[in-house]
């Protein structure tokens, strides 16, 4: 195994603190890839060309970027990349709030918040409409001196975001080590089967039989419930596991490809490049480039 080079950040939140708010104006991003136990909402303005890495997701951002991360082991970083902005505006909020079913946030008025916090274990990126809706509250958050009112405004930000459509997850479930829930017992049964057999050949007819449906009926049913067809879902799962192994192990590219269910190396390389924008070896090299040993 490769020695871990991800910084496990100890955030300034202490004891009974709830929020840590940091607002910065700067010319570059220098902090290395990291994770932390507490949750994070990160807003970036005027930084086109910055590369945002969250788990196995790597994207170049535009003028505005807002991401919520609730996975304690989910690595993330904003890299300078090709950004030439002289006035980068960043607001980072670390928060430690119990959103479990046993807390007040397990009650009915907070259901949308709970769903969002669960989704954000993979990193959740918000569309421009959502960003603009909370922009005034975000930009004044650091000026509120009273802790209660700061918390009240931040909770309003989270709530408004939880109601906005169009947010999308970033890391794959398998990379982020997140169990995927489902509102359908049949879909959940199929997902558990695929997760246990992703290294093997998985046939549509066998999976449909497991759900007690014909192949054609199951295909429509699965896409309706997941938004993806079966083959795309399997490929995403395999790529998530492969990406995690590229980061965490010293296995060869071929070993990882075959070990994650791809039938040959060229097929693995082709699909990986198509979905991730780089080859498996480039992904491994670039990922480790952003890390330092601590």
Protein backbone atom coordinates (compact mmCIF):
# COMPACT_ATOMS: atom_id res chain seq x y z
CA UNK A 1 0.00 0.00 0.00
CA UNK A 2 1.12 3.58 -0.70
CA UNK A 3 1.75 5.62 2.41
CA UNK A 4 -1.16 8.03 2.74
CA UNK A 5 -0.26 11.54 1.62
CA UNK A 6 -3.61 13.19 2.20
CA UNK A 7 -3.57 15.75 4.97
CA UNK A 8 -6.14 14.98 7.63
CA UNK A 9 -6.89 18.56 8.58
CA UNK A 10 -7.60 19.44 12.18
CA UNK A 11 -10.04 22.30 11.79
CA UNK A 12 -10.29 25.26 14.21
CA UNK A 13 -13.64 24.03 15.52
CA UNK A 14 -13.19 23.22 19.19
CA UNK A 15 -15.32 21.67 21.91
CA UNK A 16 -18.81 23.09 21.69
CA UNK A 17 -18.20 25.24 18.60
CA UNK A 18 -20.66 24.86 15.73
CA UNK A 19 -19.30 27.03 12.90
CA UNK A 20 -15.93 28.17 11.64
CA UNK A 21 -16.22 30.81 8.90
CA UNK A 22 -13.21 31.93 6.86
CA UNK A 23 -13.51 34.59 4.15
CA UNK A 24 -10.47 35.33 2.00
CA UNK A 25 -9.36 37.50 -0.91
CA UNK A 26 -6.30 36.00 -2.56
CA UNK A 27 -4.40 35.47 -5.81
CA UNK A 28 -3.83 31.73 -5.69
CA UNK A 29 -4.75 28.40 -4.11
CA UNK A 30 -1.88 26.75 -2.27
CA UNK A 31 -3.45 24.38 0.29
CA UNK A 32 -2.86 20.70 -0.60
CA UNK A 33 -5.40 17.91 -0.87
CA UNK A 34 -7.01 17.09 2.46
CA UNK A 35 -10.00 15.71 4.32
CA UNK A 36 -11.49 16.42 7.73
CA UNK A 37 -14.04 15.07 10.14
CA UNK A 38 -16.32 18.12 10.10
CA UNK A 39 -18.60 19.17 7.22
CA UNK A 40 -17.62 21.88 4.75
CA UNK A 41 -19.41 24.36 2.49
CA UNK A 42 -16.94 26.04 0.15
CA UNK A 43 -17.73 28.99 -2.12
CA UNK A 44 -15.30 30.31 -4.74
CA UNK A 45 -15.83 33.44 -6.84
CA UNK A 46 -13.75 34.97 -9.68
CA UNK A 47 -11.49 31.92 -10.10
CA UNK A 48 -12.10 30.57 -13.63
CA UNK A 49 -9.57 27.90 -14.56
CA UNK A 50 -9.10 26.52 -11.03
CA UNK A 51 -9.23 22.72 -10.90
CA UNK A 52 -11.51 21.28 -8.25
CA UNK A 53 -10.79 17.71 -7.12
CA UNK A 54 -13.34 15.93 -4.91
CA UNK A 55 -12.67 12.22 -4.57
CA UNK A 56 -12.33 10.83 -8.09
CA UNK A 57 -14.01 13.88 -9.63
CA UNK A 58 -11.76 16.43 -11.34
CA UNK A 59 -13.30 19.52 -12.97
CA UNK A 60 -12.16 22.98 -14.03
CA UNK A 61 -14.50 25.55 -12.51
CA UNK A 62 -15.84 28.79 -13.99
CA UNK A 63 -16.50 32.13 -12.24
CA UNK A 64 -18.63 30.69 -9.42
CA UNK A 65 -18.37 27.41 -7.55
CA UNK A 66 -20.24 26.16 -4.48
CA UNK A 67 -19.66 22.68 -3.05
CA UNK A 68 -20.90 20.90 0.07
CA UNK A 69 -18.81 18.02 1.46
CA UNK A 70 -19.99 15.84 4.37
CA UNK A 71 -17.83 12.71 3.88
CA UNK A 72 -15.11 12.65 6.60
CA UNK A 73 -12.72 10.64 4.40
CA UNK A 74 -13.48 12.39 1.12
CA UNK A 75 -10.33 14.06 -0.17
CA UNK A 76 -10.73 17.45 -1.82
CA UNK A 77 -8.69 20.39 -3.07
CA UNK A 78 -8.99 23.51 -5.21
CA UNK A 79 -5.80 23.75 -7.33
CA UNK A 80 -4.57 26.89 -9.07
CA UNK A 81 -4.27 25.13 -12.46
CA UNK A 82 -4.59 27.82 -15.22
CA UNK A 83 -6.39 30.46 -13.12
CA UNK A 84 -4.90 33.94 -13.59
CA UNK A 85 -7.36 35.89 -11.44
CA UNK A 86 -5.92 38.61 -9.21
CA UNK A 87 -9.01 38.75 -6.97
CA UNK A 88 -10.15 35.30 -5.91
CA UNK A 89 -12.91 35.40 -3.30
CA UNK A 90 -13.34 32.29 -1.14
CA UNK A 91 -15.70 31.62 1.75
CA UNK A 92 -15.19 28.37 3.65
CA UNK A 93 -17.55 27.23 6.39
CA UNK A 94 -16.67 24.24 8.55
CA UNK A 95 -19.53 23.07 10.70
CA UNK A 96 -20.22 20.36 13.23
CA UNK A 97 -23.97 19.71 13.40
CA UNK A 98 -25.73 16.47 14.23
CA UNK A 99 -28.13 15.70 11.35
CA UNK A 100 -28.96 12.19 12.55
CA UNK A 101 -32.50 10.86 12.96
CA UNK A 102 -32.14 11.18 16.74
CA UNK A 103 -31.48 14.94 16.57
CA UNK A 104 -33.98 17.72 15.92
CA UNK A 105 -32.95 17.54 12.27
CA UNK A 106 -34.55 14.12 12.10
CA UNK A 107 -37.97 15.80 12.35
CA UNK A 108 -40.27 16.46 9.40
CA UNK A 109 -39.39 20.11 8.63
CA UNK A 110 -35.76 19.16 7.98
CA UNK A 111 -36.19 16.21 5.62
CA UNK A 112 -34.76 18.06 2.62
CA UNK A 113 -31.72 19.02 4.71
CA UNK A 114 -31.14 15.42 5.75
CA UNK A 115 -31.35 14.21 2.14
CA UNK A 116 -28.88 16.85 1.02
CA UNK A 117 -26.41 16.05 3.78
CA UNK A 118 -26.52 12.38 2.80
CA UNK A 119 -25.93 13.16 -0.88
CA UNK A 120 -23.04 15.46 0.04
CA UNK A 121 -21.03 12.51 1.36
CA UNK A 122 -19.92 12.28 -2.29
CA UNK A 123 -19.53 16.05 -2.62
CA UNK A 124 -22.44 18.11 -3.91
CA UNK A 125 -22.00 20.87 -6.49
CA UNK A 126 -24.72 23.49 -6.83
CA UNK A 127 -25.94 25.17 -10.04
CA UNK A 128 -25.77 28.92 -10.66
CA UNK A 129 -29.43 29.51 -9.73
CA UNK A 130 -28.82 28.02 -6.28
CA UNK A 131 -25.59 29.99 -5.81
CA UNK A 132 -27.29 33.28 -6.66
CA UNK A 133 -30.16 32.49 -4.29
CA UNK A 134 -27.85 32.21 -1.27
CA UNK A 135 -25.14 34.63 -2.47
CA UNK A 136 -26.25 37.62 -0.33
CA UNK A 137 -26.44 35.48 2.80
CA UNK A 138 -23.05 33.86 2.11
CA UNK A 139 -21.33 37.20 1.56
CA UNK A 140 -22.59 38.67 4.84
CA UNK A 141 -22.15 35.57 6.98
CA UNK A 142 -18.67 36.48 8.25
CA UNK A 143 -19.88 39.93 9.39
CA UNK A 144 -22.39 38.53 11.90
CA UNK A 145 -20.82 38.72 15.35
CA UNK A 146 -23.57 37.04 17.34
CA UNK A 147 -23.11 33.26 17.20
CA UNK A 148 -26.83 32.48 17.34
CA UNK A 149 -27.68 34.75 14.43
CA UNK A 150 -24.70 33.48 12.42
CA UNK A 151 -25.92 29.93 12.94
CA UNK A 152 -29.47 30.96 12.05
CA UNK A 153 -28.30 32.53 8.76
CA UNK A 154 -26.09 29.56 7.91
CA UNK A 155 -28.95 27.14 8.55
CA UNK A 156 -31.09 29.24 6.20
CA UNK A 157 -28.37 28.95 3.55
CA UNK A 158 -28.33 25.17 3.89
CA UNK A 159 -32.10 24.98 3.83
CA UNK A 160 -32.40 27.11 0.68
CA UNK A 161 -29.76 24.94 -1.02
CA UNK A 162 -31.66 21.80 -0.02
CA UNK A 163 -34.72 23.08 -1.89
CA UNK A 164 -32.88 24.01 -5.10
CA UNK A 165 -33.06 21.52 -8.00
CA UNK A 166 -30.06 20.69 -10.14
CA UNK A 167 -27.40 19.93 -7.53
CA UNK A 168 -25.16 17.06 -8.65
CA UNK A 169 -22.88 14.67 -6.82
CA UNK A 170 -19.18 14.66 -7.67
CA UNK A 171 -17.35 11.54 -6.44
CA UNK A 172 -18.65 8.09 -7.28
CA UNK A 173 -20.29 6.11 -4.46
CA UNK A 174 -17.68 3.37 -4.62
CA UNK A 175 -14.77 5.82 -4.34
CA UNK A 176 -16.40 7.77 -1.52
CA UNK A 177 -17.35 4.52 0.24
CA UNK A 178 -20.97 5.56 0.51
CA UNK A 179 -23.80 3.05 0.71
CA UNK A 180 -26.39 3.87 -1.92
CA UNK A 181 -29.92 3.91 -0.57
CA UNK A 182 -32.95 3.39 -2.77
CA UNK A 183 -36.67 3.92 -2.49
CA UNK A 184 -37.24 0.60 -4.24
CA UNK A 185 -36.48 -2.72 -2.59
CA UNK A 186 -35.92 -4.30 -5.97
CA UNK A 187 -33.44 -1.62 -7.03
CA UNK A 188 -31.64 -1.90 -3.70
CA UNK A 189 -31.46 -5.69 -4.08
CA UNK A 190 -29.95 -5.30 -7.56
CA UNK A 191 -27.45 -2.67 -6.40
CA UNK A 192 -26.27 -4.94 -3.58
CA UNK A 193 -25.85 -7.79 -6.07
CA UNK A 194 -23.85 -5.61 -8.47
CA UNK A 195 -21.69 -4.29 -5.64
CA UNK A 196 -20.85 -7.85 -4.61
CA UNK A 197 -20.18 -9.07 -8.18
CA UNK A 198 -18.77 -6.02 -9.99
CA UNK A 199 -15.54 -7.95 -10.68
CA UNK A 200 -17.49 -10.58 -12.64
CA UNK A 201 -19.47 -10.49 -15.86
CA UNK A 202 -22.97 -9.21 -15.05
CA UNK A 203 -25.72 -10.08 -17.52
CA UNK A 204 -28.90 -8.07 -17.89
CA UNK A 205 -31.04 -11.21 -17.95
CA UNK A 206 -29.60 -12.43 -14.64
CA UNK A 207 -30.11 -9.09 -12.90
CA UNK A 208 -33.64 -8.77 -14.32
CA UNK A 209 -34.44 -12.26 -13.06
CA UNK A 210 -33.19 -11.25 -9.62
CA UNK A 211 -35.74 -8.42 -9.66
CA UNK A 212 -38.46 -10.76 -10.96
CA UNK A 213 -38.89 -8.85 -14.22
CA UNK A 214 -38.26 -9.32 -17.95
CA UNK A 215 -35.08 -7.75 -19.34
CA UNK A 216 -36.89 -4.99 -21.21
CA UNK A 217 -39.18 -4.14 -18.30
CA UNK A 218 -36.25 -4.13 -15.87
CA UNK A 219 -34.19 -1.82 -18.11
CA UNK A 220 -36.97 0.77 -18.10
CA UNK A 221 -37.57 0.29 -14.37
CA UNK A 222 -33.88 0.64 -13.45
CA UNK A 223 -33.40 3.79 -15.50
CA UNK A 224 -36.54 5.32 -14.05
CA UNK A 225 -35.26 4.81 -10.50
CA UNK A 226 -31.55 5.59 -11.01
CA UNK A 227 -31.44 7.91 -14.03
CA UNK A 228 -28.92 5.58 -15.73
CA UNK A 229 -29.07 2.41 -17.71
CA UNK A 230 -27.64 -0.75 -16.18
CA UNK A 231 -24.39 -0.79 -18.16
CA UNK A 232 -23.59 2.84 -17.27
CA UNK A 233 -24.27 2.15 -13.60
CA UNK A 234 -21.94 -0.88 -13.60
CA UNK A 235 -19.18 1.06 -15.40
CA UNK A 236 -19.43 3.95 -12.91
CA UNK A 237 -19.20 1.53 -9.99
CA UNK A 238 -16.18 -0.25 -11.48
CA UNK A 239 -14.43 3.03 -12.27
CA UNK A 240 -15.00 4.22 -8.70
CA UNK A 241 -13.34 1.12 -7.27
CA UNK A 242 -10.55 1.36 -9.86
CA UNK A 243 -9.92 5.02 -9.02
CA UNK A 244 -9.73 4.20 -5.32
CA UNK A 245 -7.21 1.40 -6.02
CA UNK A 246 -5.11 3.73 -8.19
CA UNK A 247 -4.87 6.08 -5.22
CA UNK A 248 -4.53 3.59 -2.38
CA UNK A 249 -2.53 0.68 -3.84
CA UNK A 250 0.64 -0.09 -5.79
CA UNK A 251 -1.07 -2.63 -8.07
CA UNK A 252 -0.32 -2.30 -11.77
CA UNK A 253 -2.84 -0.67 -14.11
CA UNK A 254 -3.59 -4.06 -15.65
CA UNK A 255 -4.14 -5.71 -12.26
CA UNK A 256 -6.54 -2.96 -11.25
CA UNK A 257 -8.45 -3.09 -14.54
CA UNK A 258 -8.94 -6.84 -14.45
CA UNK A 259 -9.61 -6.76 -10.71
CA UNK A 260 -12.46 -4.28 -11.21
CA UNK A 261 -14.26 -6.24 -13.91
CA UNK A 262 -12.82 -4.87 -17.15
CA UNK A 263 -12.14 -7.68 -19.61
CA UNK A 264 -8.96 -6.25 -21.14
CA UNK A 265 -6.47 -3.46 -20.55
CA UNK A 266 -7.22 -1.45 -23.69
CA UNK A 267 -10.93 -1.46 -22.86
CA UNK A 268 -10.17 -0.27 -19.33
CA UNK A 269 -7.92 2.52 -20.60
CA UNK A 270 -10.43 3.63 -23.23
CA UNK A 271 -13.41 3.77 -20.86
CA UNK A 272 -11.39 5.40 -18.09
CA UNK A 273 -10.15 8.17 -20.42
CA UNK A 274 -13.65 8.74 -21.80
CA UNK A 275 -15.21 9.08 -18.34
CA UNK A 276 -12.36 10.74 -16.41
CA UNK A 277 -10.62 12.76 -19.12
CA UNK A 278 -7.26 11.09 -18.55
CA UNK A 279 -5.66 7.64 -18.57
CA UNK A 280 -5.46 5.53 -15.38
CA UNK A 281 -1.70 6.16 -15.13
CA UNK A 282 -2.23 9.93 -15.55
CA UNK A 283 -4.96 9.85 -12.89
CA UNK A 284 -2.60 8.11 -10.45
CA UNK A 285 0.26 10.49 -11.21
CA UNK A 286 -1.84 13.67 -11.05
CA UNK A 287 -3.61 12.59 -7.88
CA UNK A 288 -0.35 11.99 -6.05
CA UNK A 289 1.11 15.23 -7.34
CA UNK A 290 -1.39 17.15 -5.26
CA UNK A 291 -0.37 15.44 -2.03
CA UNK A 292 2.29 15.95 0.59
CA UNK A 293 3.43 13.66 3.39
CA UNK A 294 2.62 14.83 6.90
